[in-house]
Amino acid sequence: MADDRPQAVPPGGAIPYLSVTGGKAAVDFYTRAFGAVEEYRALADDGQRLMHSRMRINGGLVMLSDDFPEYRGGGAMPPPSGVTVHLQVEDAEAAWKRAVDAGATVKLQLQDMFWGDRYGQLVDPFGHSWSIAAAVKAG
């Protein structure tokens, strides 16, 4: 389980911060689909929604929170943007299967691409796009 004490995140790089409806379920999905390890979790005052989660996925940080319409004037949560979170892995087939088995839907089938990667795109149950790639082994 995640550490309940906040720890400073070192500066540098770019960290995706995802907003979802169903934060706890999202962390569970990312754990099953991408091997996420949650490092920190803070619940909102309601004890149900995630105010903040910090996860390590494929060696990098991803942060996440539930949507809080009451802090942005109410209304529906905006749809995810055109951003795709990319995972460069050693074994694209295994990573792909794990994500699909966990419930990700295929957006672009995993295939060998002209630039030398085996590459595909998925959409998670929370509407966010992910890509998975591995260098094609010369054989």
N, C-alpha and C. Protein backbone atom coordinates (compact mmCIF):
# COMPACT_ATOMS: atom_id res chain seq x y z
N MET A 1 0.86 -1.19 0.00
CA MET A 1 0.00 0.00 0.00
C MET A 1 0.89 1.22 0.00
N ALA A 2 0.34 2.27 -0.44
CA ALA A 2 1.06 3.53 -0.57
C ALA A 2 1.44 4.09 0.79
N ASP A 3 2.55 4.78 0.84
CA ASP A 3 2.99 5.49 2.02
C ASP A 3 2.01 6.62 2.31
N ASP A 4 1.64 6.82 3.57
CA ASP A 4 0.67 7.86 3.88
C ASP A 4 1.31 9.20 4.18
N ARG A 5 2.62 9.30 4.08
CA ARG A 5 3.31 10.57 4.27
C ARG A 5 3.72 11.14 2.92
N PRO A 6 3.39 12.40 2.68
CA PRO A 6 3.82 12.97 1.39
C PRO A 6 5.34 13.08 1.32
N GLN A 7 5.88 12.79 0.17
CA GLN A 7 7.31 12.92 -0.06
C GLN A 7 7.51 13.84 -1.24
N ALA A 8 8.54 14.62 -1.17
CA ALA A 8 8.83 15.57 -2.24
C ALA A 8 9.15 14.82 -3.53
N VAL A 9 8.64 15.34 -4.62
CA VAL A 9 8.97 14.81 -5.95
C VAL A 9 10.14 15.63 -6.47
N PRO A 10 11.23 14.97 -6.84
CA PRO A 10 12.37 15.74 -7.34
C PRO A 10 12.03 16.48 -8.63
N PRO A 11 12.60 17.65 -8.84
CA PRO A 11 12.32 18.39 -10.07
C PRO A 11 12.91 17.69 -11.29
N GLY A 12 12.33 17.97 -12.44
CA GLY A 12 12.84 17.44 -13.69
C GLY A 12 11.83 16.58 -14.40
N GLY A 13 11.94 16.52 -15.70
CA GLY A 13 11.06 15.70 -16.51
C GLY A 13 9.66 16.26 -16.61
N ALA A 14 8.78 15.49 -17.19
CA ALA A 14 7.37 15.84 -17.32
C ALA A 14 6.57 14.69 -16.73
N ILE A 15 5.59 15.01 -15.90
CA ILE A 15 4.81 13.98 -15.22
C ILE A 15 3.36 14.11 -15.64
N PRO A 16 2.79 13.10 -16.30
CA PRO A 16 1.37 13.16 -16.63
C PRO A 16 0.54 13.18 -15.35
N TYR A 17 -0.51 14.01 -15.34
CA TYR A 17 -1.44 14.08 -14.21
C TYR A 17 -2.83 13.84 -14.77
N LEU A 18 -3.40 12.70 -14.45
CA LEU A 18 -4.67 12.28 -15.01
C LEU A 18 -5.82 12.61 -14.07
N SER A 19 -6.91 13.12 -14.60
CA SER A 19 -8.15 13.30 -13.85
C SER A 19 -9.13 12.25 -14.32
N VAL A 20 -9.80 11.60 -13.36
CA VAL A 20 -10.71 10.51 -13.67
C VAL A 20 -11.94 10.59 -12.78
N THR A 21 -12.95 9.87 -13.15
CA THR A 21 -14.05 9.58 -12.26
C THR A 21 -13.85 8.14 -11.82
N GLY A 22 -13.63 7.94 -10.52
CA GLY A 22 -13.35 6.61 -10.01
C GLY A 22 -11.87 6.40 -9.78
N GLY A 23 -11.24 7.26 -9.02
CA GLY A 23 -9.79 7.21 -8.82
C GLY A 23 -9.26 5.91 -8.25
N LYS A 24 -9.94 5.37 -7.26
CA LYS A 24 -9.47 4.10 -6.67
C LYS A 24 -9.49 2.99 -7.71
N ALA A 25 -10.57 2.94 -8.49
CA ALA A 25 -10.66 1.93 -9.56
C ALA A 25 -9.59 2.16 -10.61
N ALA A 26 -9.27 3.42 -10.90
CA ALA A 26 -8.23 3.72 -11.89
C ALA A 26 -6.87 3.21 -11.41
N VAL A 27 -6.54 3.45 -10.15
CA VAL A 27 -5.27 2.95 -9.62
C VAL A 27 -5.23 1.43 -9.71
N ASP A 28 -6.34 0.78 -9.37
CA ASP A 28 -6.40 -0.69 -9.48
C ASP A 28 -6.19 -1.13 -10.93
N PHE A 29 -6.84 -0.44 -11.88
CA PHE A 29 -6.67 -0.78 -13.29
C PHE A 29 -5.22 -0.59 -13.72
N TYR A 30 -4.62 0.55 -13.41
CA TYR A 30 -3.24 0.82 -13.83
C TYR A 30 -2.27 -0.18 -13.21
N THR A 31 -2.59 -0.67 -12.02
CA THR A 31 -1.76 -1.70 -11.39
C THR A 31 -1.84 -3.00 -12.20
N ARG A 32 -3.05 -3.39 -12.56
CA ARG A 32 -3.23 -4.63 -13.36
C ARG A 32 -2.70 -4.47 -14.77
N ALA A 33 -3.00 -3.34 -15.41
CA ALA A 33 -2.69 -3.15 -16.84
C ALA A 33 -1.24 -2.82 -17.11
N PHE A 34 -0.65 -1.97 -16.25
CA PHE A 34 0.68 -1.44 -16.55
C PHE A 34 1.70 -1.70 -15.43
N GLY A 35 1.31 -2.47 -14.42
CA GLY A 35 2.24 -2.76 -13.33
C GLY A 35 2.50 -1.57 -12.43
N ALA A 36 1.56 -0.64 -12.33
CA ALA A 36 1.75 0.55 -11.51
C ALA A 36 2.01 0.16 -10.05
N VAL A 37 2.87 0.94 -9.42
CA VAL A 37 3.11 0.82 -7.99
C VAL A 37 2.76 2.18 -7.39
N GLU A 38 1.74 2.19 -6.57
CA GLU A 38 1.32 3.45 -5.95
C GLU A 38 2.26 3.80 -4.81
N GLU A 39 2.84 5.00 -4.88
CA GLU A 39 3.79 5.45 -3.86
C GLU A 39 3.15 6.33 -2.80
N TYR A 40 2.06 6.98 -3.15
CA TYR A 40 1.41 7.89 -2.21
C TYR A 40 -0.06 8.02 -2.57
N ARG A 41 -0.89 8.11 -1.54
CA ARG A 41 -2.33 8.29 -1.75
C ARG A 41 -2.87 9.23 -0.68
N ALA A 42 -3.65 10.21 -1.10
CA ALA A 42 -4.36 11.10 -0.17
C ALA A 42 -5.82 11.11 -0.57
N LEU A 43 -6.68 10.78 0.39
CA LEU A 43 -8.12 10.80 0.14
C LEU A 43 -8.67 12.20 0.37
N ALA A 44 -9.75 12.49 -0.33
CA ALA A 44 -10.46 13.75 -0.12
C ALA A 44 -11.19 13.69 1.22
N ASP A 45 -11.73 14.82 1.64
CA ASP A 45 -12.46 14.90 2.90
C ASP A 45 -13.64 13.93 2.96
N ASP A 46 -14.19 13.57 1.79
CA ASP A 46 -15.33 12.64 1.79
C ASP A 46 -14.89 11.19 2.07
N GLY A 47 -13.58 10.95 2.13
CA GLY A 47 -13.07 9.62 2.43
C GLY A 47 -13.20 8.63 1.29
N GLN A 48 -13.74 9.05 0.15
CA GLN A 48 -13.97 8.16 -0.98
C GLN A 48 -13.10 8.51 -2.18
N ARG A 49 -13.13 9.75 -2.59
CA ARG A 49 -12.39 10.15 -3.80
C ARG A 49 -10.92 10.37 -3.47
N LEU A 50 -10.09 10.19 -4.51
CA LEU A 50 -8.66 10.44 -4.37
C LEU A 50 -8.37 11.90 -4.64
N MET A 51 -7.81 12.57 -3.65
CA MET A 51 -7.34 13.93 -3.84
C MET A 51 -6.04 13.89 -4.65
N HIS A 52 -5.26 12.84 -4.40
CA HIS A 52 -3.98 12.71 -5.11
C HIS A 52 -3.45 11.28 -4.98
N SER A 53 -2.96 10.75 -6.07
CA SER A 53 -2.24 9.48 -6.08
C SER A 53 -0.99 9.67 -6.92
N ARG A 54 0.11 9.15 -6.41
CA ARG A 54 1.37 9.17 -7.17
C ARG A 54 1.77 7.73 -7.40
N MET A 55 1.93 7.38 -8.68
CA MET A 55 2.27 6.01 -9.06
C MET A 55 3.55 6.01 -9.88
N ARG A 56 4.21 4.88 -9.84
CA ARG A 56 5.36 4.65 -10.71
C ARG A 56 4.91 3.61 -11.72
N ILE A 57 4.98 3.98 -13.02
CA ILE A 57 4.62 3.08 -14.11
C ILE A 57 5.79 3.02 -15.07
N ASN A 58 6.29 1.82 -15.31
CA ASN A 58 7.38 1.63 -16.27
C ASN A 58 8.58 2.52 -15.94
N GLY A 59 8.83 2.76 -14.65
CA GLY A 59 9.97 3.55 -14.21
C GLY A 59 9.71 5.04 -14.10
N GLY A 60 8.57 5.54 -14.59
CA GLY A 60 8.28 6.97 -14.53
C GLY A 60 7.09 7.26 -13.63
N LEU A 61 6.97 8.52 -13.25
CA LEU A 61 5.85 8.93 -12.40
C LEU A 61 4.62 9.26 -13.22
N VAL A 62 3.47 8.88 -12.69
CA VAL A 62 2.17 9.30 -13.19
C VAL A 62 1.37 9.69 -11.96
N MET A 63 0.73 10.85 -12.02
CA MET A 63 -0.09 11.30 -10.92
C MET A 63 -1.55 11.29 -11.35
N LEU A 64 -2.44 11.21 -10.36
CA LEU A 64 -3.85 11.03 -10.67
C LEU A 64 -4.69 11.57 -9.54
N SER A 65 -5.86 12.09 -9.89
CA SER A 65 -6.86 12.43 -8.88
C SER A 65 -8.24 12.21 -9.47
N ASP A 66 -9.20 12.07 -8.57
CA ASP A 66 -10.59 12.07 -8.98
C ASP A 66 -10.95 13.46 -9.48
N ASP A 67 -11.99 13.53 -10.26
CA ASP A 67 -12.54 14.81 -10.68
C ASP A 67 -13.26 15.44 -9.48
N PHE A 68 -13.13 16.74 -9.34
CA PHE A 68 -13.79 17.49 -8.28
C PHE A 68 -14.56 18.65 -8.91
N PRO A 69 -15.77 18.36 -9.44
CA PRO A 69 -16.52 19.42 -10.11
C PRO A 69 -16.83 20.60 -9.19
N GLU A 70 -16.91 20.36 -7.91
CA GLU A 70 -17.21 21.46 -6.98
C GLU A 70 -16.10 22.49 -6.90
N TYR A 71 -14.88 22.13 -7.35
CA TYR A 71 -13.77 23.07 -7.33
C TYR A 71 -13.58 23.80 -8.66
N ARG A 72 -14.39 23.46 -9.65
CA ARG A 72 -14.27 24.12 -10.96
C ARG A 72 -15.62 24.57 -11.48
N GLY A 73 -16.56 24.87 -10.58
CA GLY A 73 -17.83 25.43 -10.99
C GLY A 73 -18.91 24.42 -11.33
N GLY A 74 -18.69 23.15 -11.06
CA GLY A 74 -19.70 22.14 -11.33
C GLY A 74 -19.68 21.69 -12.78
N GLY A 75 -20.65 20.87 -13.12
CA GLY A 75 -20.77 20.40 -14.49
C GLY A 75 -19.96 19.14 -14.74
N ALA A 76 -20.10 18.66 -15.94
CA ALA A 76 -19.44 17.42 -16.34
C ALA A 76 -17.94 17.61 -16.47
N MET A 77 -17.22 16.52 -16.22
CA MET A 77 -15.77 16.54 -16.38
C MET A 77 -15.44 16.66 -17.86
N PRO A 78 -14.48 17.52 -18.19
CA PRO A 78 -14.08 17.61 -19.60
C PRO A 78 -13.51 16.27 -20.07
N PRO A 79 -13.66 15.96 -21.37
CA PRO A 79 -13.09 14.70 -21.87
C PRO A 79 -11.56 14.77 -21.85
N PRO A 80 -10.92 13.58 -21.82
CA PRO A 80 -9.45 13.59 -21.90
C PRO A 80 -8.98 14.31 -23.15
N SER A 81 -7.82 14.91 -23.06
CA SER A 81 -7.27 15.66 -24.18
C SER A 81 -6.68 14.73 -25.23
N GLY A 82 -6.05 15.29 -26.22
CA GLY A 82 -5.42 14.52 -27.28
C GLY A 82 -4.07 13.96 -26.88
N VAL A 83 -3.75 13.94 -25.61
CA VAL A 83 -2.47 13.43 -25.13
C VAL A 83 -2.49 11.91 -25.06
N THR A 84 -1.39 11.29 -25.44
CA THR A 84 -1.20 9.85 -25.28
C THR A 84 -0.01 9.63 -24.36
N VAL A 85 -0.20 8.82 -23.33
CA VAL A 85 0.89 8.46 -22.42
C VAL A 85 1.61 7.28 -23.06
N HIS A 86 2.91 7.45 -23.31
CA HIS A 86 3.69 6.45 -24.04
C HIS A 86 4.52 5.60 -23.09
N LEU A 87 4.51 4.29 -23.32
CA LEU A 87 5.34 3.36 -22.56
C LEU A 87 6.29 2.66 -23.52
N GLN A 88 7.57 2.92 -23.40
CA GLN A 88 8.60 2.23 -24.17
C GLN A 88 9.06 1.06 -23.31
N VAL A 89 8.87 -0.14 -23.79
CA VAL A 89 9.10 -1.34 -22.99
C VAL A 89 10.05 -2.29 -23.71
N GLU A 90 10.48 -3.32 -23.00
CA GLU A 90 11.32 -4.35 -23.60
C GLU A 90 10.50 -5.32 -24.44
N ASP A 91 9.31 -5.69 -23.97
CA ASP A 91 8.49 -6.71 -24.61
C ASP A 91 7.10 -6.14 -24.86
N ALA A 92 6.88 -5.62 -26.05
CA ALA A 92 5.60 -4.99 -26.38
C ALA A 92 4.45 -5.99 -26.34
N GLU A 93 4.69 -7.21 -26.79
CA GLU A 93 3.63 -8.22 -26.82
C GLU A 93 3.11 -8.50 -25.41
N ALA A 94 4.01 -8.69 -24.46
CA ALA A 94 3.61 -8.98 -23.08
C ALA A 94 2.91 -7.78 -22.45
N ALA A 95 3.44 -6.59 -22.66
CA ALA A 95 2.83 -5.39 -22.09
C ALA A 95 1.44 -5.16 -22.69
N TRP A 96 1.32 -5.38 -23.99
CA TRP A 96 0.05 -5.24 -24.69
C TRP A 96 -1.00 -6.21 -24.14
N LYS A 97 -0.62 -7.46 -24.04
CA LYS A 97 -1.54 -8.49 -23.55
C LYS A 97 -2.01 -8.17 -22.14
N ARG A 98 -1.09 -7.77 -21.30
CA ARG A 98 -1.44 -7.42 -19.91
C ARG A 98 -2.48 -6.30 -19.87
N ALA A 99 -2.27 -5.26 -20.67
CA ALA A 99 -3.19 -4.11 -20.68
C ALA A 99 -4.56 -4.50 -21.24
N VAL A 100 -4.57 -5.24 -22.34
CA VAL A 100 -5.84 -5.67 -22.94
C VAL A 100 -6.58 -6.62 -22.00
N ASP A 101 -5.86 -7.55 -21.39
CA ASP A 101 -6.49 -8.48 -20.44
C ASP A 101 -7.08 -7.74 -19.24
N ALA A 102 -6.49 -6.59 -18.87
CA ALA A 102 -6.98 -5.81 -17.74
C ALA A 102 -8.20 -4.97 -18.10
N GLY A 103 -8.47 -4.81 -19.42
CA GLY A 103 -9.66 -4.07 -19.83
C GLY A 103 -9.43 -2.88 -20.73
N ALA A 104 -8.20 -2.66 -21.18
CA ALA A 104 -7.95 -1.58 -22.14
C ALA A 104 -8.53 -1.98 -23.50
N THR A 105 -8.99 -0.99 -24.25
CA THR A 105 -9.52 -1.27 -25.60
C THR A 105 -8.51 -0.81 -26.65
N VAL A 106 -8.49 -1.54 -27.73
CA VAL A 106 -7.52 -1.27 -28.80
C VAL A 106 -7.98 -0.07 -29.62
N LYS A 107 -7.06 0.87 -29.79
CA LYS A 107 -7.28 2.05 -30.64
C LYS A 107 -6.51 1.87 -31.95
N LEU A 108 -5.29 1.39 -31.87
CA LEU A 108 -4.44 1.08 -33.02
C LEU A 108 -3.73 -0.22 -32.70
N GLN A 109 -4.01 -1.24 -33.50
CA GLN A 109 -3.47 -2.58 -33.22
C GLN A 109 -1.95 -2.56 -33.15
N LEU A 110 -1.40 -3.32 -32.24
CA LEU A 110 0.05 -3.47 -32.10
C LEU A 110 0.61 -4.04 -33.40
N GLN A 111 1.62 -3.37 -33.95
CA GLN A 111 2.19 -3.79 -35.23
C GLN A 111 3.58 -3.21 -35.41
N ASP A 112 4.34 -3.80 -36.34
CA ASP A 112 5.66 -3.27 -36.66
C ASP A 112 5.48 -1.99 -37.47
N MET A 113 6.20 -0.95 -37.05
CA MET A 113 6.08 0.35 -37.70
C MET A 113 7.34 0.67 -38.49
N PHE A 114 7.20 1.59 -39.44
CA PHE A 114 8.32 1.95 -40.31
C PHE A 114 9.51 2.53 -39.56
N TRP A 115 9.30 3.10 -38.38
CA TRP A 115 10.41 3.72 -37.65
C TRP A 115 11.18 2.73 -36.78
N GLY A 116 10.77 1.45 -36.80
CA GLY A 116 11.56 0.42 -36.13
C GLY A 116 11.02 -0.07 -34.80
N ASP A 117 9.84 0.38 -34.42
CA ASP A 117 9.22 -0.10 -33.18
C ASP A 117 8.03 -0.99 -33.49
N ARG A 118 7.75 -1.89 -32.59
CA ARG A 118 6.46 -2.57 -32.55
C ARG A 118 5.62 -1.67 -31.68
N TYR A 119 4.51 -1.15 -32.22
CA TYR A 119 3.80 -0.04 -31.60
C TYR A 119 2.29 -0.21 -31.74
N GLY A 120 1.57 0.18 -30.71
CA GLY A 120 0.12 0.19 -30.75
C GLY A 120 -0.43 1.17 -29.74
N GLN A 121 -1.71 1.49 -29.86
CA GLN A 121 -2.37 2.42 -28.94
C GLN A 121 -3.61 1.78 -28.34
N LEU A 122 -3.83 2.11 -27.07
CA LEU A 122 -4.96 1.61 -26.30
C LEU A 122 -5.67 2.78 -25.63
N VAL A 123 -6.90 2.53 -25.21
CA VAL A 123 -7.64 3.49 -24.40
C VAL A 123 -8.03 2.78 -23.12
N ASP A 124 -7.75 3.43 -21.99
CA ASP A 124 -8.10 2.82 -20.71
C ASP A 124 -9.58 3.06 -20.41
N PRO A 125 -10.14 2.36 -19.42
CA PRO A 125 -11.57 2.52 -19.12
C PRO A 125 -11.96 3.92 -18.65
N PHE A 126 -10.99 4.79 -18.43
CA PHE A 126 -11.24 6.15 -17.95
C PHE A 126 -11.08 7.18 -19.06
N GLY A 127 -10.86 6.69 -20.30
CA GLY A 127 -10.81 7.54 -21.47
C GLY A 127 -9.45 8.04 -21.88
N HIS A 128 -8.40 7.66 -21.18
CA HIS A 128 -7.06 8.14 -21.50
C HIS A 128 -6.37 7.20 -22.49
N SER A 129 -5.64 7.79 -23.45
CA SER A 129 -4.90 7.03 -24.46
C SER A 129 -3.51 6.67 -23.96
N TRP A 130 -3.10 5.46 -24.29
CA TRP A 130 -1.78 4.95 -23.96
C TRP A 130 -1.19 4.32 -25.21
N SER A 131 0.11 4.45 -25.39
CA SER A 131 0.78 3.72 -26.45
C SER A 131 1.84 2.83 -25.83
N ILE A 132 2.06 1.72 -26.48
CA ILE A 132 3.06 0.75 -26.04
C ILE A 132 3.97 0.48 -27.22
N ALA A 133 5.29 0.50 -26.96
CA ALA A 133 6.24 0.25 -28.05
C ALA A 133 7.48 -0.44 -27.53
N ALA A 134 8.09 -1.20 -28.41
CA ALA A 134 9.39 -1.82 -28.15
C ALA A 134 10.14 -1.84 -29.48
N ALA A 135 11.43 -1.67 -29.39
CA ALA A 135 12.24 -1.76 -30.59
C ALA A 135 12.11 -3.14 -31.20
N VAL A 136 11.96 -3.17 -32.53
CA VAL A 136 11.88 -4.46 -33.23
C VAL A 136 13.28 -5.05 -33.25
N LYS A 137 13.37 -6.29 -32.82
CA LYS A 137 14.67 -6.97 -32.76
C LYS A 137 15.06 -7.39 -34.18
N ALA A 138 16.30 -7.08 -34.54
CA ALA A 138 16.81 -7.52 -35.84
C ALA A 138 16.97 -9.04 -35.79
N GLY A 139 16.53 -9.66 -36.80
CA GLY A 139 16.62 -11.11 -36.74
C GLY A 139 16.89 -11.68 -38.02
